[in-house]
Amino acid sequence: MPRPTWTRRGTPDPLGRSRVTTRQAPRPTSRQTMLTMESDNFTGERPGWGADFDYDEARHLAAYIDAAGLAKGRRVLDAGCGEGFGTQTLAATAADVTGVDYSADAIGFCLKRWDAPRLSFRQVDLTAPGDFTDTFDLVLNFQVVEHIDDATPFIEGLRERVAPGGQLMLTTPNRLKTFSENPYHVREYTRDELAALLGNVFSKVEILGMHGNEKVSSFDRGREKAVHRILRLDPLGIRNLLPRKVIELAFAKLAVIVRRQARDDSAADTIVPADFFVSGANVDEALDLVALCRP
């Protein structure tokens, strides 16, 4: 099992050191130049970007758009920022935004792509944070906890970054609505399971859900059918006996095929962040769980 990390992207500094980078990044010239995670480079370990991943992009950014209201005028930490596509959207409303990730590649990408007032990025492995002791009014942790084997110390680490009176917003897939096999997910959660995990560390926990409209549902139905067609080719589960690297490679390639088939059968190419919404109703039917936590 992988050791606890604050993000699933890249390879951490083997010495567990934190690094602070102050170099200014050039401003991106267009949206097209920003979406460089194309299908040939997709691993499945992190969100995909580009033509085959409009659905994933919209679902990922929808959480950040929802968080923008909470971020207004506050100091924000995006813990596990990855390539910063969502992080940079918060700079328009927050007092300041810090994106941290233990992957040197991810932070290098951020420094090349994003340049905005009150926006900074640091390479930090927060399981061994070194001199990174800052606290924040709002801590975001999106689509990471499902990759963590021993989640309680991980959540405790997030708690340490929350300033007095501050808040954590965390998202993770809803296990009840997952129909594919992601080799990078160590554990997925139901609403009650996530509430129990977070309730051991935070005094106040509210679990909401990220839902989609009919366009989103149409795409998901197509994706589920495509997944089941592929899984029927291996009724004995021989795939589970393959070396992990082979499984990961196959997952990445098949994920692209599944999305293309689903897009051909639905309105997926028109899906935008506004097609997703956060609600406290029917949480068990939500695509993602959205947790709001206070110490």
C-alpha atoms as a PDB file:
ATOM      1  CA  MET A   1       0.000   0.000   0.000  1.00  0.00           C
ATOM      2  CA  PRO A   2       1.233   3.537  -0.665  1.00  0.00           C
ATOM      3  CA  ARG A   3       2.331   5.612   2.282  1.00  0.00           C
ATOM      4  CA  PRO A   4       0.115   8.549   3.297  1.00  0.00           C
ATOM      5  CA  THR A   5       0.540  11.542   1.046  1.00  0.00           C
ATOM      6  CA  TRP A   6      -1.203  14.845   0.583  1.00  0.00           C
ATOM      7  CA  THR A   7      -1.725  14.190  -3.085  1.00  0.00           C
ATOM      8  CA  ARG A   8      -1.611  11.293  -5.448  1.00  0.00           C
ATOM      9  CA  ARG A   9       0.471  13.037  -8.068  1.00  0.00           C
ATOM     10  CA  GLY A  10       4.119  12.461  -8.844  1.00  0.00           C
ATOM     11  CA  THR A  11       7.019  11.266  -6.682  1.00  0.00           C
ATOM     12  CA  PRO A  12       7.834  12.851  -3.305  1.00  0.00           C
ATOM     13  CA  ASP A  13      11.239  14.076  -2.245  1.00  0.00           C
ATOM     14  CA  PRO A  14      12.791  10.865  -0.844  1.00  0.00           C
ATOM     15  CA  LEU A  15      14.132  12.809   2.134  1.00  0.00           C
ATOM     16  CA  GLY A  16      10.709  14.206   2.988  1.00  0.00           C
ATOM     17  CA  ARG A  17      11.948  17.770   2.739  1.00  0.00           C
ATOM     18  CA  SER A  18       9.786  20.777   2.007  1.00  0.00           C
ATOM     19  CA  ARG A  19      10.816  23.203  -0.678  1.00  0.00           C
ATOM     20  CA  VAL A  20       9.734  26.782  -1.174  1.00  0.00           C
ATOM     21  CA  THR A  21       9.910  28.238  -4.658  1.00  0.00           C
ATOM     22  CA  THR A  22       9.637  31.974  -5.245  1.00  0.00           C
ATOM     23  CA  ARG A  23      10.165  32.116  -9.008  1.00  0.00           C
ATOM     24  CA  GLN A  24       7.390  33.970 -10.828  1.00  0.00           C
ATOM     25  CA  ALA A  25       5.496  32.039 -13.480  1.00  0.00           C
ATOM     26  CA  PRO A  26       4.623  33.373 -16.927  1.00  0.00           C
ATOM     27  CA  ARG A  27       0.970  34.113 -17.608  1.00  0.00           C
ATOM     28  CA  PRO A  28      -0.788  31.465 -19.732  1.00  0.00           C
ATOM     29  CA  THR A  29      -1.636  32.701 -23.196  1.00  0.00           C
ATOM     30  CA  SER A  30      -4.913  30.832 -23.650  1.00  0.00           C
ATOM     31  CA  ARG A  31      -7.111  28.126 -22.179  1.00  0.00           C
ATOM     32  CA  GLN A  32      -5.910  25.720 -24.838  1.00  0.00           C
ATOM     33  CA  THR A  33      -2.304  26.023 -23.701  1.00  0.00           C
ATOM     34  CA  MET A  34      -3.375  25.244 -20.141  1.00  0.00           C
ATOM     35  CA  LEU A  35      -5.053  21.951 -20.953  1.00  0.00           C
ATOM     36  CA  THR A  36      -1.908  19.979 -21.627  1.00  0.00           C
ATOM     37  CA  MET A  37      -2.876  16.723 -19.921  1.00  0.00           C
ATOM     38  CA  GLU A  38      -3.837  14.984 -23.154  1.00  0.00           C
ATOM     39  CA  SER A  39      -4.923  11.392 -23.562  1.00  0.00           C
ATOM     40  CA  ASP A  40      -1.471  10.055 -24.427  1.00  0.00           C
ATOM     41  CA  ASN A  41      -0.116  11.338 -21.100  1.00  0.00           C
ATOM     42  CA  PHE A  42      -3.076  10.314 -18.946  1.00  0.00           C
ATOM     43  CA  THR A  43      -2.174   7.854 -16.184  1.00  0.00           C
ATOM     44  CA  GLY A  44      -5.465   7.706 -14.299  1.00  0.00           C
ATOM     45  CA  GLU A  45      -3.771   8.701 -11.066  1.00  0.00           C
ATOM     46  CA  ARG A  46      -4.849  12.346 -11.346  1.00  0.00           C
ATOM     47  CA  PRO A  47      -7.617  14.204 -13.195  1.00  0.00           C
ATOM     48  CA  GLY A  48      -7.334  14.289 -16.961  1.00  0.00           C
ATOM     49  CA  TRP A  49      -7.533  17.491 -18.979  1.00  0.00           C
ATOM     50  CA  GLY A  50      -8.124  18.052 -22.660  1.00  0.00           C
ATOM     51  CA  ALA A  51     -10.509  16.916 -25.361  1.00  0.00           C
ATOM     52  CA  ASP A  52     -11.350  13.506 -23.876  1.00  0.00           C
ATOM     53  CA  PHE A  53     -11.861  14.814 -20.365  1.00  0.00           C
ATOM     54  CA  ASP A  54     -14.441  17.604 -20.581  1.00  0.00           C
ATOM     55  CA  TYR A  55     -16.616  15.762 -18.051  1.00  0.00           C
ATOM     56  CA  ASP A  56     -13.747  15.258 -15.608  1.00  0.00           C
ATOM     57  CA  GLU A  57     -12.595  18.846 -15.996  1.00  0.00           C
ATOM     58  CA  ALA A  58     -16.072  20.225 -15.318  1.00  0.00           C
ATOM     59  CA  ARG A  59     -16.651  17.978 -12.297  1.00  0.00           C
ATOM     60  CA  HIS A  60     -13.264  18.889 -10.841  1.00  0.00           C
ATOM     61  CA  LEU A  61     -13.673  22.632 -11.341  1.00  0.00           C
ATOM     62  CA  ALA A  62     -17.237  22.620  -9.989  1.00  0.00           C
ATOM     63  CA  ALA A  63     -15.907  21.941  -6.492  1.00  0.00           C
ATOM     64  CA  TYR A  64     -13.533  24.892  -6.748  1.00  0.00           C
ATOM     65  CA  ILE A  65     -16.287  27.159  -8.006  1.00  0.00           C
ATOM     66  CA  ASP A  66     -18.405  26.141  -5.020  1.00  0.00           C
ATOM     67  CA  ALA A  67     -15.442  26.797  -2.717  1.00  0.00           C
ATOM     68  CA  ALA A  68     -14.936  30.288  -4.144  1.00  0.00           C
ATOM     69  CA  GLY A  69     -17.756  31.614  -1.973  1.00  0.00           C
ATOM     70  CA  LEU A  70     -16.110  30.247   1.164  1.00  0.00           C
ATOM     71  CA  ALA A  71     -12.740  31.590   0.019  1.00  0.00           C
ATOM     72  CA  LYS A  72     -13.838  35.212  -0.338  1.00  0.00           C
ATOM     73  CA  GLY A  73     -11.495  37.428   1.656  1.00  0.00           C
ATOM     74  CA  ARG A  74      -9.838  34.461   3.384  1.00  0.00           C
ATOM     75  CA  ARG A  75      -6.406  32.872   3.417  1.00  0.00           C
ATOM     76  CA  VAL A  76      -6.732  29.597   1.528  1.00  0.00           C
ATOM     77  CA  LEU A  77      -4.588  26.462   1.354  1.00  0.00           C
ATOM     78  CA  ASP A  78      -5.160  24.001  -1.479  1.00  0.00           C
ATOM     79  CA  ALA A  79      -3.574  20.858  -0.029  1.00  0.00           C
ATOM     80  CA  GLY A  80      -2.793  18.559  -2.949  1.00  0.00           C
ATOM     81  CA  CYS A  81      -3.155  21.215  -5.633  1.00  0.00           C
ATOM     82  CA  GLY A  82      -1.744  19.110  -8.469  1.00  0.00           C
ATOM     83  CA  GLU A  83      -1.298  21.195 -11.602  1.00  0.00           C
ATOM     84  CA  GLY A  84      -3.259  24.095 -10.089  1.00  0.00           C
ATOM     85  CA  PHE A  85      -6.139  24.240 -12.573  1.00  0.00           C
ATOM     86  CA  GLY A  86      -8.604  24.647  -9.720  1.00  0.00           C
ATOM     87  CA  THR A  87      -6.289  26.517  -7.370  1.00  0.00           C
ATOM     88  CA  GLN A  88      -5.845  29.470  -9.676  1.00  0.00           C
ATOM     89  CA  THR A  89      -9.612  30.044  -9.903  1.00  0.00           C
ATOM     90  CA  LEU A  90      -9.693  31.010  -6.211  1.00  0.00           C
ATOM     91  CA  ALA A  91      -7.271  33.909  -6.558  1.00  0.00           C
ATOM     92  CA  ALA A  92     -10.041  36.208  -7.778  1.00  0.00           C
ATOM     93  CA  THR A  93     -11.905  36.117  -4.449  1.00  0.00           C
ATOM     94  CA  ALA A  94      -9.481  34.977  -1.727  1.00  0.00           C
ATOM     95  CA  ALA A  95      -7.190  37.214   0.291  1.00  0.00           C
ATOM     96  CA  ASP A  96      -4.380  34.892  -0.763  1.00  0.00           C
ATOM     97  CA  VAL A  97      -4.109  31.329  -2.041  1.00  0.00           C
ATOM     98  CA  THR A  98      -1.297  28.847  -1.453  1.00  0.00           C
ATOM     99  CA  GLY A  99      -1.203  25.625  -3.437  1.00  0.00           C
ATOM    100  CA  VAL A 100       0.990  22.853  -2.068  1.00  0.00           C
ATOM    101  CA  ASP A 101       1.867  19.493  -3.523  1.00  0.00           C
ATOM    102  CA  TYR A 102       4.623  17.005  -2.817  1.00  0.00           C
ATOM    103  CA  SER A 103       5.213  16.442  -6.533  1.00  0.00           C
ATOM    104  CA  ALA A 104       8.014  18.507  -8.020  1.00  0.00           C
ATOM    105  CA  ASP A 105       6.518  17.973 -11.471  1.00  0.00           C
ATOM    106  CA  ALA A 106       3.130  19.309 -10.388  1.00  0.00           C
ATOM    107  CA  ILE A 107       4.583  22.413  -8.761  1.00  0.00           C
ATOM    108  CA  GLY A 108       6.848  22.973 -11.752  1.00  0.00           C
ATOM    109  CA  PHE A 109       3.777  22.924 -13.974  1.00  0.00           C
ATOM    110  CA  CYS A 110       2.026  25.454 -11.715  1.00  0.00           C
ATOM    111  CA  LEU A 111       4.991  27.811 -11.828  1.00  0.00           C
ATOM    112  CA  LYS A 112       5.029  27.717 -15.613  1.00  0.00           C
ATOM    113  CA  ARG A 113       1.282  28.159 -16.080  1.00  0.00           C
ATOM    114  CA  TRP A 114      -0.178  30.342 -13.352  1.00  0.00           C
ATOM    115  CA  ASP A 115       0.607  33.914 -12.414  1.00  0.00           C
ATOM    116  CA  ALA A 116      -1.895  35.967 -10.443  1.00  0.00           C
ATOM    117  CA  PRO A 117      -1.808  38.374  -7.515  1.00  0.00           C
ATOM    118  CA  ARG A 118      -2.072  36.654  -4.136  1.00  0.00           C
ATOM    119  CA  LEU A 119      -1.365  33.216  -5.662  1.00  0.00           C
ATOM    120  CA  SER A 120       1.678  31.120  -4.747  1.00  0.00           C
ATOM    121  CA  PHE A 121       2.792  27.500  -4.981  1.00  0.00           C
ATOM    122  CA  ARG A 122       5.159  25.471  -2.811  1.00  0.00           C
ATOM    123  CA  GLN A 123       6.527  21.975  -3.013  1.00  0.00           C
ATOM    124  CA  VAL A 124       5.770  20.500   0.388  1.00  0.00           C
ATOM    125  CA  ASP A 125       5.260  16.964   1.615  1.00  0.00           C
ATOM    126  CA  LEU A 126       2.845  17.742   4.427  1.00  0.00           C
ATOM    127  CA  THR A 127       3.356  14.347   6.038  1.00  0.00           C
ATOM    128  CA  ALA A 128       6.877  15.686   6.732  1.00  0.00           C
ATOM    129  CA  PRO A 129       6.245  19.436   6.500  1.00  0.00           C
ATOM    130  CA  GLY A 130       9.590  20.720   7.733  1.00  0.00           C
ATOM    131  CA  ASP A 131       9.358  24.488   8.064  1.00  0.00           C
ATOM    132  CA  PHE A 132       5.845  24.711   6.622  1.00  0.00           C
ATOM    133  CA  THR A 133       3.799  25.550   9.720  1.00  0.00           C
ATOM    134  CA  ASP A 134       1.358  28.088   8.277  1.00  0.00           C
ATOM    135  CA  THR A 135      -2.341  27.945   9.143  1.00  0.00           C
ATOM    136  CA  PHE A 136      -5.223  29.074   6.953  1.00  0.00           C
ATOM    137  CA  ASP A 137      -8.821  30.232   7.211  1.00  0.00           C
ATOM    138  CA  LEU A 138      -9.900  27.686   4.612  1.00  0.00           C
ATOM    139  CA  VAL A 139      -8.156  24.411   3.786  1.00  0.00           C
ATOM    140  CA  LEU A 140      -9.213  22.542   0.651  1.00  0.00           C
ATOM    141  CA  ASN A 141      -8.461  18.890   0.004  1.00  0.00           C
ATOM    142  CA  PHE A 142     -10.126  17.613  -3.141  1.00  0.00           C
ATOM    143  CA  GLN A 143     -10.086  14.010  -4.395  1.00  0.00           C
ATOM    144  CA  VAL A 144      -7.131  12.865  -2.298  1.00  0.00           C
ATOM    145  CA  VAL A 145      -8.282  10.937   0.786  1.00  0.00           C
ATOM    146  CA  GLU A 146      -9.378   7.943  -1.316  1.00  0.00           C
ATOM    147  CA  HIS A 147      -5.712   7.440  -2.181  1.00  0.00           C
ATOM    148  CA  ILE A 148      -4.610   7.280   1.473  1.00  0.00           C
ATOM    149  CA  ASP A 149      -4.124   3.975   3.262  1.00  0.00           C
ATOM    150  CA  ASP A 150      -3.996   5.247   6.860  1.00  0.00           C
ATOM    151  CA  ALA A 151      -6.391   8.180   6.640  1.00  0.00           C
ATOM    152  CA  THR A 152      -6.662   9.317  10.272  1.00  0.00           C
ATOM    153  CA  PRO A 153      -3.110  10.759  10.547  1.00  0.00           C
ATOM    154  CA  PHE A 154      -3.696  12.371   7.169  1.00  0.00           C
ATOM    155  CA  ILE A 155      -6.869  14.089   8.411  1.00  0.00           C
ATOM    156  CA  GLU A 156      -5.065  15.135  11.594  1.00  0.00           C
ATOM    157  CA  GLY A 157      -2.417  16.768   9.420  1.00  0.00           C
ATOM    158  CA  LEU A 158      -5.112  18.725   7.595  1.00  0.00           C
ATOM    159  CA  ARG A 159      -6.548  19.794  10.941  1.00  0.00           C
ATOM    160  CA  GLU A 160      -3.191  21.283  11.936  1.00  0.00           C
ATOM    161  CA  ARG A 161      -3.328  23.610   8.940  1.00  0.00           C
ATOM    162  CA  VAL A 162      -6.743  25.030   9.907  1.00  0.00           C
ATOM    163  CA  ALA A 163      -6.491  28.342  11.773  1.00  0.00           C
ATOM    164  CA  PRO A 164      -8.740  29.090  14.780  1.00  0.00           C
ATOM    165  CA  GLY A 165     -12.218  29.738  13.432  1.00  0.00           C
ATOM    166  CA  GLY A 166     -11.234  28.180  10.113  1.00  0.00           C
ATOM    167  CA  GLN A 167     -12.721  25.402   8.057  1.00  0.00           C
ATOM    168  CA  LEU A 168     -11.802  22.336   5.987  1.00  0.00           C
ATOM    169  CA  MET A 169     -13.604  21.501   2.752  1.00  0.00           C
ATOM    170  CA  LEU A 170     -12.882  17.976   1.501  1.00  0.00           C
ATOM    171  CA  THR A 171     -14.235  16.030  -1.455  1.00  0.00           C
ATOM    172  CA  THR A 172     -13.999  12.353  -2.347  1.00  0.00           C
ATOM    173  CA  PRO A 173     -15.943   9.950  -4.599  1.00  0.00           C
ATOM    174  CA  ASN A 174     -19.138   8.467  -3.188  1.00  0.00           C
ATOM    175  CA  ARG A 175     -18.505   4.723  -2.958  1.00  0.00           C
ATOM    176  CA  LEU A 176     -22.174   3.977  -3.536  1.00  0.00           C
ATOM    177  CA  LYS A 177     -22.009   5.582  -6.988  1.00  0.00           C
ATOM    178  CA  THR A 178     -18.652   4.229  -8.172  1.00  0.00           C
ATOM    179  CA  PHE A 179     -18.898   1.631 -10.928  1.00  0.00           C
ATOM    180  CA  SER A 180     -15.323   1.491 -12.253  1.00  0.00           C
ATOM    181  CA  GLU A 181     -12.205  -0.043 -10.740  1.00  0.00           C
ATOM    182  CA  ASN A 182      -9.539   2.580 -10.067  1.00  0.00           C
ATOM    183  CA  PRO A 183      -6.238   0.929  -9.062  1.00  0.00           C
ATOM    184  CA  TYR A 184      -5.099   4.165  -7.434  1.00  0.00           C
ATOM    185  CA  HIS A 185      -7.987   4.282  -4.955  1.00  0.00           C
ATOM    186  CA  VAL A 186      -7.046   2.558  -1.709  1.00  0.00           C
ATOM    187  CA  ARG A 187     -10.427   3.156  -0.098  1.00  0.00           C
ATOM    188  CA  GLU A 188     -13.604   4.950  -1.098  1.00  0.00           C
ATOM    189  CA  TYR A 189     -16.225   6.091   1.409  1.00  0.00           C
ATOM    190  CA  THR A 190     -19.954   6.268   1.969  1.00  0.00           C
ATOM    191  CA  ARG A 191     -21.441   9.314   3.674  1.00  0.00           C
ATOM    192  CA  ASP A 192     -21.510   7.602   7.077  1.00  0.00           C
ATOM    193  CA  GLU A 193     -17.976   6.255   6.727  1.00  0.00           C
ATOM    194  CA  LEU A 194     -16.582   9.659   5.801  1.00  0.00           C
ATOM    195  CA  ALA A 195     -18.498  11.346   8.623  1.00  0.00           C
ATOM    196  CA  ALA A 196     -17.031   8.863  11.102  1.00  0.00           C
ATOM    197  CA  LEU A 197     -13.483   9.392   9.821  1.00  0.00           C
ATOM    198  CA  LEU A 198     -13.716  13.175   9.978  1.00  0.00           C
ATOM    199  CA  GLY A 199     -15.680  13.175  13.243  1.00  0.00           C
ATOM    200  CA  ASN A 200     -12.712  11.608  15.012  1.00  0.00           C
ATOM    201  CA  VAL A 201     -10.694  14.758  14.307  1.00  0.00           C
ATOM    202  CA  PHE A 202     -13.166  17.634  13.855  1.00  0.00           C
ATOM    203  CA  SER A 203     -15.932  18.668  16.255  1.00  0.00           C
ATOM    204  CA  LYS A 204     -18.362  19.749  13.532  1.00  0.00           C
ATOM    205  CA  VAL A 205     -18.809  17.793  10.297  1.00  0.00           C
ATOM    206  CA  GLU A 206     -21.424  18.320   7.596  1.00  0.00           C
ATOM    207  CA  ILE A 207     -21.591  15.985   4.594  1.00  0.00           C
ATOM    208  CA  LEU A 208     -23.128  17.324   1.386  1.00  0.00           C
ATOM    209  CA  GLY A 209     -23.137  15.877  -2.115  1.00  0.00           C
ATOM    210  CA  MET A 210     -21.912  16.917  -5.553  1.00  0.00           C
ATOM    211  CA  HIS A 211     -24.682  16.072  -8.016  1.00  0.00           C
ATOM    212  CA  GLY A 212     -25.067  16.396 -11.772  1.00  0.00           C
ATOM    213  CA  ASN A 213     -27.957  17.325 -14.028  1.00  0.00           C
ATOM    214  CA  GLU A 214     -29.419  15.145 -16.787  1.00  0.00           C
ATOM    215  CA  LYS A 215     -26.506  15.781 -19.158  1.00  0.00           C
ATOM    216  CA  VAL A 216     -24.149  14.489 -16.491  1.00  0.00           C
ATOM    217  CA  SER A 217     -26.392  11.507 -15.774  1.00  0.00           C
ATOM    218  CA  SER A 218     -26.517  10.672 -19.481  1.00  0.00           C
ATOM    219  CA  PHE A 219     -22.735  10.619 -19.694  1.00  0.00           C
ATOM    220  CA  ASP A 220     -22.456   8.482 -16.550  1.00  0.00           C
ATOM    221  CA  ARG A 221     -24.945   5.962 -17.900  1.00  0.00           C
ATOM    222  CA  GLY A 222     -22.898   5.683 -21.076  1.00  0.00           C
ATOM    223  CA  ARG A 223     -19.686   5.352 -19.099  1.00  0.00           C
ATOM    224  CA  GLU A 224     -21.153   2.641 -16.884  1.00  0.00           C
ATOM    225  CA  LYS A 225     -22.296   0.640 -19.911  1.00  0.00           C
ATOM    226  CA  ALA A 226     -18.854   0.933 -21.498  1.00  0.00           C
ATOM    227  CA  VAL A 227     -17.164  -0.206 -18.287  1.00  0.00           C
ATOM    228  CA  HIS A 228     -19.432  -3.224 -17.968  1.00  0.00           C
ATOM    229  CA  ARG A 229     -18.780  -4.208 -21.593  1.00  0.00           C
ATOM    230  CA  ILE A 230     -15.055  -4.220 -20.880  1.00  0.00           C
ATOM    231  CA  LEU A 231     -15.358  -6.099 -17.578  1.00  0.00           C
ATOM    232  CA  ARG A 232     -17.391  -8.837 -19.262  1.00  0.00           C
ATOM    233  CA  LEU A 233     -14.266  -9.702 -21.233  1.00  0.00           C
ATOM    234  CA  ASP A 234     -12.642 -10.844 -17.973  1.00  0.00           C
ATOM    235  CA  PRO A 235     -15.333 -12.757 -16.040  1.00  0.00           C
ATOM    236  CA  LEU A 236     -12.760 -14.647 -13.951  1.00  0.00           C
ATOM    237  CA  GLY A 237     -11.040 -11.498 -12.700  1.00  0.00           C
ATOM    238  CA  ILE A 238      -7.663 -12.458 -14.167  1.00  0.00           C
ATOM    239  CA  ARG A 239      -6.849  -8.745 -14.392  1.00  0.00           C
ATOM    240  CA  ASN A 240      -6.406  -8.719 -10.616  1.00  0.00           C
ATOM    241  CA  LEU A 241      -3.504 -11.169 -10.925  1.00  0.00           C
ATOM    242  CA  LEU A 242      -1.510  -8.961 -13.289  1.00  0.00           C
ATOM    243  CA  PRO A 243       1.475  -6.882 -12.121  1.00  0.00           C
ATOM    244  CA  ARG A 244       0.387  -3.518 -10.745  1.00  0.00           C
ATOM    245  CA  LYS A 245       2.192  -1.575 -13.472  1.00  0.00           C
ATOM    246  CA  VAL A 246       0.297  -3.505 -16.127  1.00  0.00           C
ATOM    247  CA  ILE A 247      -3.000  -2.850 -14.344  1.00  0.00           C
ATOM    248  CA  GLU A 248      -2.250   0.873 -14.117  1.00  0.00           C
ATOM    249  CA  LEU A 249      -1.308   1.096 -17.787  1.00  0.00           C
ATOM    250  CA  ALA A 250      -4.417  -0.801 -18.857  1.00  0.00           C
ATOM    251  CA  PHE A 251      -6.619   1.360 -16.633  1.00  0.00           C
ATOM    252  CA  ALA A 252      -5.312   4.565 -18.200  1.00  0.00           C
ATOM    253  CA  LYS A 253      -5.834   3.350 -21.762  1.00  0.00           C
ATOM    254  CA  LEU A 254      -9.278   1.896 -21.072  1.00  0.00           C
ATOM    255  CA  ALA A 255     -10.378   5.046 -19.221  1.00  0.00           C
ATOM    256  CA  VAL A 256      -9.825   7.072 -22.388  1.00  0.00           C
ATOM    257  CA  ILE A 257     -11.732   4.516 -24.487  1.00  0.00           C
ATOM    258  CA  VAL A 258     -14.629   4.542 -22.013  1.00  0.00           C
ATOM    259  CA  ARG A 259     -14.874   8.335 -22.071  1.00  0.00           C
ATOM    260  CA  ARG A 260     -14.856   8.455 -25.849  1.00  0.00           C
ATOM    261  CA  GLN A 261     -17.624   5.873 -26.063  1.00  0.00           C
ATOM    262  CA  ALA A 262     -19.694   7.667 -23.428  1.00  0.00           C
ATOM    263  CA  ARG A 263     -19.224  11.004 -25.155  1.00  0.00           C
ATOM    264  CA  ASP A 264     -20.337   9.535 -28.480  1.00  0.00           C
ATOM    265  CA  ASP A 265     -23.527   8.249 -26.839  1.00  0.00           C
ATOM    266  CA  SER A 266     -24.426  11.367 -24.848  1.00  0.00           C
ATOM    267  CA  ALA A 267     -24.183  15.147 -24.591  1.00  0.00           C
ATOM    268  CA  ALA A 268     -20.885  14.956 -22.729  1.00  0.00           C
ATOM    269  CA  ASP A 269     -19.126  17.416 -25.013  1.00  0.00           C
ATOM    270  CA  THR A 270     -21.466  20.130 -23.691  1.00  0.00           C
ATOM    271  CA  ILE A 271     -20.902  19.450 -19.992  1.00  0.00           C
ATOM    272  CA  VAL A 272     -19.590  22.459 -18.051  1.00  0.00           C
ATOM    273  CA  PRO A 273     -19.048  23.108 -14.322  1.00  0.00           C
ATOM    274  CA  ALA A 274     -22.527  24.659 -14.071  1.00  0.00           C
ATOM    275  CA  ASP A 275     -23.980  21.205 -14.802  1.00  0.00           C
ATOM    276  CA  PHE A 276     -22.845  20.125 -11.323  1.00  0.00           C
ATOM    277  CA  PHE A 277     -24.212  21.394  -8.021  1.00  0.00           C
ATOM    278  CA  VAL A 278     -23.710  20.841  -4.291  1.00  0.00           C
ATOM    279  CA  SER A 279     -26.723  19.921  -2.173  1.00  0.00           C
ATOM    280  CA  GLY A 280     -27.555  18.434   1.199  1.00  0.00           C
ATOM    281  CA  ALA A 281     -30.396  16.415  -0.330  1.00  0.00           C
ATOM    282  CA  ASN A 282     -30.057  12.800  -1.507  1.00  0.00           C
ATOM    283  CA  VAL A 283     -26.406  12.646  -0.492  1.00  0.00           C
ATOM    284  CA  ASP A 284     -26.299   8.873  -0.951  1.00  0.00           C
ATOM    285  CA  GLU A 285     -27.042   9.471  -4.654  1.00  0.00           C
ATOM    286  CA  ALA A 286     -24.298  12.079  -5.078  1.00  0.00           C
ATOM    287  CA  LEU A 287     -21.303  11.556  -7.349  1.00  0.00           C
ATOM    288  CA  ASP A 288     -18.897  13.020  -4.802  1.00  0.00           C
ATOM    289  CA  LEU A 289     -19.132  13.592  -1.077  1.00  0.00           C
ATOM    290  CA  VAL A 290     -18.422  17.163   0.036  1.00  0.00           C
ATOM    291  CA  ALA A 291     -17.422  17.559   3.683  1.00  0.00           C
ATOM    292  CA  LEU A 292     -17.373  20.851   5.585  1.00  0.00           C
ATOM    293  CA  CYS A 293     -15.488  20.541   8.867  1.00  0.00           C
ATOM    294  CA  ARG A 294     -14.655  22.823  11.776  1.00  0.00           C
ATOM    295  CA  PRO A 295     -12.323  22.096  14.712  1.00  0.00           C
END
